[in-house]
Amino acid sequence: MQRSRTGRLRRVLTTVGTMAAAGALVGTMSTEAYAANLEVGTVGTSSWTSGAGVARYQEYGDYLTLSDRAADGASVYGFLTDMNDKTLRAKTFSGGAGSSRTWNFNLPEGKQIFLYVCLKDNGEIQDTTCKFYRGRA
């Protein structure tokens, strides 16, 4: 009698553990593809430091924050596009190293978006520094 209870308990715990692991995996996958709070840093090049500019989008309140994290003289350019590559919002921040600025937008809920960040030097977007992240508004 004791053996069958132990065997049954082992099977139940194994099943519960497998279901929990699968649920955690699915939750992780969906969070990465459709995160409500997105953050992306610029790409490093031979001329620019990796992460010198950072864009952050916060779903609740529709906030876009641009941060300058390097004393390189460049501005941070961030923009949001929809799946059709239509620009929804775009901002440039020239506050200097160590500073940030936040804007509030009203985007349609649940809309799939791309958050881009680039460095801008002398008014020109430095394409090689641009990076994006996909998520939902």
C-alpha atoms as a PDB file:
ATOM      1  CA  MET A   1       0.000   0.000   0.000  1.00  0.00           C
ATOM      2  CA  GLN A   2       2.800   2.407   0.907  1.00  0.00           C
ATOM      3  CA  ARG A   3       4.584   1.769  -2.421  1.00  0.00           C
ATOM      4  CA  SER A   4       1.564   2.688  -4.539  1.00  0.00           C
ATOM      5  CA  ARG A   5       1.069   5.953  -2.643  1.00  0.00           C
ATOM      6  CA  THR A   6       4.730   6.813  -3.067  1.00  0.00           C
ATOM      7  CA  GLY A   7       4.600   5.965  -6.774  1.00  0.00           C
ATOM      8  CA  ARG A   8       1.411   7.990  -7.265  1.00  0.00           C
ATOM      9  CA  LEU A   9       2.867  10.968  -5.383  1.00  0.00           C
ATOM     10  CA  ARG A  10       6.032  10.781  -7.499  1.00  0.00           C
ATOM     11  CA  ARG A  11       3.957  10.769 -10.725  1.00  0.00           C
ATOM     12  CA  VAL A  12       1.844  13.716  -9.528  1.00  0.00           C
ATOM     13  CA  LEU A  13       4.923  15.741  -8.537  1.00  0.00           C
ATOM     14  CA  THR A  14       6.629  14.942 -11.850  1.00  0.00           C
ATOM     15  CA  THR A  15       3.538  16.036 -13.799  1.00  0.00           C
ATOM     16  CA  VAL A  16       3.152  19.229 -11.751  1.00  0.00           C
ATOM     17  CA  GLY A  17       6.856  20.035 -12.185  1.00  0.00           C
ATOM     18  CA  THR A  18       6.679  19.475 -15.942  1.00  0.00           C
ATOM     19  CA  MET A  19       3.580  21.693 -16.242  1.00  0.00           C
ATOM     20  CA  ALA A  20       5.211  24.434 -14.161  1.00  0.00           C
ATOM     21  CA  ALA A  21       8.364  24.332 -16.285  1.00  0.00           C
ATOM     22  CA  ALA A  22       6.313  24.490 -19.502  1.00  0.00           C
ATOM     23  CA  GLY A  23       4.287  27.409 -18.130  1.00  0.00           C
ATOM     24  CA  ALA A  24       7.454  29.261 -17.164  1.00  0.00           C
ATOM     25  CA  LEU A  25       8.906  28.703 -20.642  1.00  0.00           C
ATOM     26  CA  VAL A  26       5.765  29.967 -22.382  1.00  0.00           C
ATOM     27  CA  GLY A  27       5.643  32.985 -20.050  1.00  0.00           C
ATOM     28  CA  THR A  28       9.276  33.789 -20.790  1.00  0.00           C
ATOM     29  CA  MET A  29       8.802  33.474 -24.536  1.00  0.00           C
ATOM     30  CA  SER A  30       5.769  35.739 -24.634  1.00  0.00           C
ATOM     31  CA  THR A  31       7.428  38.322 -22.373  1.00  0.00           C
ATOM     32  CA  GLU A  32      10.417  38.622 -24.677  1.00  0.00           C
ATOM     33  CA  ALA A  33       8.341  39.011 -27.832  1.00  0.00           C
ATOM     34  CA  TYR A  34       5.662  41.297 -26.425  1.00  0.00           C
ATOM     35  CA  ALA A  35       7.059  42.970 -23.348  1.00  0.00           C
ATOM     36  CA  ALA A  36       4.964  45.795 -21.920  1.00  0.00           C
ATOM     37  CA  ASN A  37       8.095  47.684 -20.881  1.00  0.00           C
ATOM     38  CA  LEU A  38      10.717  47.823 -23.603  1.00  0.00           C
ATOM     39  CA  GLU A  39      14.295  49.027 -23.317  1.00  0.00           C
ATOM     40  CA  VAL A  40      16.948  49.083 -26.019  1.00  0.00           C
ATOM     41  CA  GLY A  41      20.461  50.558 -26.185  1.00  0.00           C
ATOM     42  CA  THR A  42      22.427  51.731 -29.178  1.00  0.00           C
ATOM     43  CA  VAL A  43      24.905  49.484 -30.982  1.00  0.00           C
ATOM     44  CA  GLY A  44      28.593  50.117 -30.390  1.00  0.00           C
ATOM     45  CA  THR A  45      30.866  50.878 -33.347  1.00  0.00           C
ATOM     46  CA  SER A  46      34.485  51.920 -33.742  1.00  0.00           C
ATOM     47  CA  SER A  47      33.315  55.518 -33.200  1.00  0.00           C
ATOM     48  CA  TRP A  48      30.511  55.068 -30.660  1.00  0.00           C
ATOM     49  CA  THR A  49      30.216  53.300 -27.308  1.00  0.00           C
ATOM     50  CA  SER A  50      27.684  50.481 -27.025  1.00  0.00           C
ATOM     51  CA  GLY A  51      24.647  51.636 -25.032  1.00  0.00           C
ATOM     52  CA  ALA A  52      25.578  55.316 -25.348  1.00  0.00           C
ATOM     53  CA  GLY A  53      21.905  56.043 -25.991  1.00  0.00           C
ATOM     54  CA  VAL A  54      18.972  54.174 -24.464  1.00  0.00           C
ATOM     55  CA  ALA A  55      15.270  54.301 -25.285  1.00  0.00           C
ATOM     56  CA  ARG A  56      12.660  52.942 -22.881  1.00  0.00           C
ATOM     57  CA  TYR A  57       8.945  52.555 -23.560  1.00  0.00           C
ATOM     58  CA  GLN A  58       6.556  51.956 -20.665  1.00  0.00           C
ATOM     59  CA  GLU A  59       3.158  50.591 -21.652  1.00  0.00           C
ATOM     60  CA  TYR A  60       1.198  51.889 -18.670  1.00  0.00           C
ATOM     61  CA  GLY A  61       0.955  55.595 -19.351  1.00  0.00           C
ATOM     62  CA  ASP A  62       2.594  55.323 -22.787  1.00  0.00           C
ATOM     63  CA  TYR A  63       5.895  56.867 -21.692  1.00  0.00           C
ATOM     64  CA  LEU A  64       8.976  57.145 -23.903  1.00  0.00           C
ATOM     65  CA  THR A  65      12.231  57.930 -22.107  1.00  0.00           C
ATOM     66  CA  LEU A  66      15.490  58.715 -23.900  1.00  0.00           C
ATOM     67  CA  SER A  67      18.739  58.575 -21.912  1.00  0.00           C
ATOM     68  CA  ASP A  68      22.188  59.804 -22.874  1.00  0.00           C
ATOM     69  CA  ARG A  69      24.805  57.575 -21.219  1.00  0.00           C
ATOM     70  CA  ALA A  70      28.030  58.739 -22.850  1.00  0.00           C
ATOM     71  CA  ALA A  71      29.929  62.018 -23.085  1.00  0.00           C
ATOM     72  CA  ASP A  72      30.355  61.759 -26.837  1.00  0.00           C
ATOM     73  CA  GLY A  73      28.625  64.920 -28.086  1.00  0.00           C
ATOM     74  CA  ALA A  74      25.846  62.944 -29.792  1.00  0.00           C
ATOM     75  CA  SER A  75      22.107  63.220 -29.216  1.00  0.00           C
ATOM     76  CA  VAL A  76      19.811  60.248 -28.662  1.00  0.00           C
ATOM     77  CA  TYR A  77      17.071  59.662 -31.232  1.00  0.00           C
ATOM     78  CA  GLY A  78      14.210  57.325 -30.371  1.00  0.00           C
ATOM     79  CA  PHE A  79      11.080  56.453 -32.297  1.00  0.00           C
ATOM     80  CA  LEU A  80       8.144  54.060 -32.292  1.00  0.00           C
ATOM     81  CA  THR A  81       6.747  52.450 -35.441  1.00  0.00           C
ATOM     82  CA  ASP A  82       3.854  50.117 -36.147  1.00  0.00           C
ATOM     83  CA  MET A  83       4.046  46.830 -38.066  1.00  0.00           C
ATOM     84  CA  ASN A  84       3.654  48.731 -41.364  1.00  0.00           C
ATOM     85  CA  ASP A  85       6.767  50.796 -40.579  1.00  0.00           C
ATOM     86  CA  LYS A  86       4.646  53.903 -39.991  1.00  0.00           C
ATOM     87  CA  THR A  87       6.312  56.193 -37.439  1.00  0.00           C
ATOM     88  CA  LEU A  88       3.959  56.707 -34.504  1.00  0.00           C
ATOM     89  CA  ARG A  89       6.196  59.000 -32.429  1.00  0.00           C
ATOM     90  CA  ALA A  90       9.781  60.263 -32.748  1.00  0.00           C
ATOM     91  CA  LYS A  91      11.909  62.347 -30.374  1.00  0.00           C
ATOM     92  CA  THR A  92      15.479  63.596 -30.127  1.00  0.00           C
ATOM     93  CA  PHE A  93      17.149  64.265 -26.785  1.00  0.00           C
ATOM     94  CA  SER A  94      20.253  66.442 -26.454  1.00  0.00           C
ATOM     95  CA  GLY A  95      20.480  66.800 -22.681  1.00  0.00           C
ATOM     96  CA  GLY A  96      24.049  65.596 -22.247  1.00  0.00           C
ATOM     97  CA  ALA A  97      25.692  62.568 -20.676  1.00  0.00           C
ATOM     98  CA  GLY A  98      23.969  61.156 -17.626  1.00  0.00           C
ATOM     99  CA  SER A  99      20.610  62.806 -18.293  1.00  0.00           C
ATOM    100  CA  SER A 100      17.203  61.626 -19.511  1.00  0.00           C
ATOM    101  CA  ARG A 101      13.909  63.014 -20.709  1.00  0.00           C
ATOM    102  CA  THR A 102      10.445  61.424 -20.707  1.00  0.00           C
ATOM    103  CA  TRP A 103       7.476  62.140 -22.976  1.00  0.00           C
ATOM    104  CA  ASN A 104       3.916  60.901 -22.603  1.00  0.00           C
ATOM    105  CA  PHE A 105       1.997  59.647 -25.638  1.00  0.00           C
ATOM    106  CA  ASN A 106      -1.400  58.091 -26.181  1.00  0.00           C
ATOM    107  CA  LEU A 107      -1.024  54.985 -28.347  1.00  0.00           C
ATOM    108  CA  PRO A 108      -3.784  52.491 -29.169  1.00  0.00           C
ATOM    109  CA  GLU A 109      -3.780  49.631 -26.646  1.00  0.00           C
ATOM    110  CA  GLY A 110      -2.473  46.249 -27.738  1.00  0.00           C
ATOM    111  CA  LYS A 111      -0.939  47.583 -30.962  1.00  0.00           C
ATOM    112  CA  GLN A 112       2.258  45.793 -31.975  1.00  0.00           C
ATOM    113  CA  ILE A 113       5.132  48.275 -32.117  1.00  0.00           C
ATOM    114  CA  PHE A 114       8.873  48.553 -32.676  1.00  0.00           C
ATOM    115  CA  LEU A 115      11.005  50.754 -30.419  1.00  0.00           C
ATOM    116  CA  TYR A 116      14.138  52.114 -32.105  1.00  0.00           C
ATOM    117  CA  VAL A 117      17.094  54.025 -30.694  1.00  0.00           C
ATOM    118  CA  CYS A 118      19.983  55.644 -32.580  1.00  0.00           C
ATOM    119  CA  LEU A 119      22.649  58.239 -31.983  1.00  0.00           C
ATOM    120  CA  LYS A 120      22.420  61.531 -33.838  1.00  0.00           C
ATOM    121  CA  ASP A 121      25.587  63.524 -34.503  1.00  0.00           C
ATOM    122  CA  ASN A 122      25.422  67.040 -35.961  1.00  0.00           C
ATOM    123  CA  GLY A 123      21.769  66.416 -36.841  1.00  0.00           C
ATOM    124  CA  GLU A 124      22.510  63.216 -38.791  1.00  0.00           C
ATOM    125  CA  ILE A 125      21.277  59.817 -37.646  1.00  0.00           C
ATOM    126  CA  GLN A 126      24.188  57.410 -37.252  1.00  0.00           C
ATOM    127  CA  ASP A 127      22.567  54.346 -38.875  1.00  0.00           C
ATOM    128  CA  THR A 128      25.220  51.918 -37.650  1.00  0.00           C
ATOM    129  CA  THR A 129      24.247  52.658 -34.034  1.00  0.00           C
ATOM    130  CA  CYS A 130      20.526  51.946 -34.473  1.00  0.00           C
ATOM    131  CA  LYS A 131      18.873  49.049 -32.698  1.00  0.00           C
ATOM    132  CA  PHE A 132      15.227  48.051 -32.182  1.00  0.00           C
ATOM    133  CA  TYR A 133      12.991  45.908 -29.979  1.00  0.00           C
ATOM    134  CA  ARG A 134       9.509  44.572 -30.772  1.00  0.00           C
ATOM    135  CA  GLY A 135       6.631  44.731 -28.312  1.00  0.00           C
ATOM    136  CA  ARG A 136       3.067  45.950 -27.685  1.00  0.00           C
ATOM    137  CA  ALA A 137       1.684  49.356 -26.770  1.00  0.00           C
END
